[in-house]
Amino acid sequence: MGKRSKSQHVVPRDGGWAVRGEGNERDTKRFRRQKDAVDAATRIAKNKRAEVVIHGRDGRIRERNSYGKDPFPPRG
């Protein structure tokens, strides 16, 4: 099986939002609006065939969007 692409997480940061690749120590980029962070994460995920994981203000995952090779049938 091939190497899995890193998911791109949209997370709350200092009154704004950030995009961070899964397992990275630093944010890729920060934004004032969540929509802008989601748009940037989506561009990265489409390019890397990965998943976007959107967190709410409380840090909990509220949405996932996949742009890679999804398993069929879906797991779980």
Protein backbone atom coordinates (compact mmCIF):
# COMPACT_ATOMS: atom_id res chain seq x y z
CA MET A 1 0.00 0.00 0.00
CA GLY A 2 1.30 3.50 -0.87
CA LYS A 3 2.20 6.28 1.52
CA ARG A 4 -0.86 8.08 2.82
CA SER A 5 -1.02 11.84 2.23
CA LYS A 6 -1.16 14.11 5.24
CA SER A 7 -4.58 15.39 6.19
CA GLN A 8 -4.88 19.18 6.29
CA HIS A 9 -6.45 20.41 9.53
CA VAL A 10 -8.26 23.75 9.92
CA VAL A 11 -7.86 24.71 13.58
CA PRO A 12 -8.66 27.75 15.76
CA ARG A 13 -5.67 30.01 16.52
CA ASP A 14 -5.47 33.27 18.51
CA GLY A 15 -8.85 34.61 17.43
CA GLY A 16 -8.35 33.38 13.87
CA TRP A 17 -7.80 30.11 12.03
CA ALA A 18 -4.83 28.10 10.79
CA VAL A 19 -4.09 25.32 8.34
CA ARG A 20 -1.76 22.64 9.65
CA GLY A 21 -0.63 19.44 7.96
CA GLU A 22 -1.15 16.32 10.06
CA GLY A 23 1.93 15.66 12.18
CA ASN A 24 3.52 19.05 11.48
CA GLU A 25 4.85 21.12 14.37
CA ARG A 26 4.05 24.45 12.72
CA ASP A 27 1.00 25.93 11.06
CA THR A 28 1.21 26.12 7.27
CA LYS A 29 -0.60 29.46 7.24
CA ARG A 30 -2.91 31.57 9.43
CA PHE A 31 -6.08 33.39 8.47
CA ARG A 32 -8.59 35.77 10.05
CA ARG A 33 -11.62 33.89 8.70
CA GLN A 34 -12.35 30.17 8.88
CA LYS A 35 -13.62 30.20 5.28
CA ASP A 36 -10.24 31.42 4.02
CA ALA A 37 -8.46 28.68 5.98
CA VAL A 38 -10.85 26.03 4.62
CA ASP A 39 -10.30 27.27 1.05
CA ALA A 40 -6.51 27.10 1.46
CA ALA A 41 -6.65 23.65 3.11
CA THR A 42 -8.89 22.40 0.29
CA ARG A 43 -6.42 23.57 -2.38
CA ILE A 44 -3.58 21.77 -0.59
CA ALA A 45 -5.64 18.60 -0.06
CA LYS A 46 -6.72 18.45 -3.70
CA ASN A 47 -3.10 18.80 -4.79
CA LYS A 48 -1.91 16.11 -2.36
CA ARG A 49 -5.01 13.92 -2.73
CA ALA A 50 -5.60 14.15 1.00
CA GLU A 51 -8.37 14.94 3.48
CA VAL A 52 -9.45 18.27 5.00
CA VAL A 53 -10.42 18.05 8.67
CA ILE A 54 -12.32 21.12 9.89
CA HIS A 55 -12.35 21.80 13.63
CA GLY A 56 -14.79 24.08 15.44
CA ARG A 57 -13.87 26.85 17.90
CA ASP A 58 -13.92 24.21 20.65
CA GLY A 59 -11.26 22.21 18.78
CA ARG A 60 -13.58 19.27 18.08
CA ILE A 61 -13.85 17.90 14.56
CA ARG A 62 -17.04 19.11 12.88
CA GLU A 63 -16.48 18.12 9.25
CA ARG A 64 -14.23 16.01 6.99
CA ASN A 65 -13.82 16.24 3.22
CA SER A 66 -11.72 13.78 1.26
CA TYR A 67 -9.89 14.58 -1.99
CA GLY A 68 -7.87 11.39 -2.24
CA LYS A 69 -8.45 7.77 -3.02
CA ASP A 70 -11.32 6.69 -0.81
CA PRO A 71 -11.52 3.03 0.12
CA PHE A 72 -14.48 1.22 -1.41
CA PRO A 73 -16.48 0.08 0.35
CA PRO A 74 -15.92 2.83 2.94
CA ARG A 75 -14.48 1.71 6.26
CA GLY A 76 -16.46 2.02 9.49
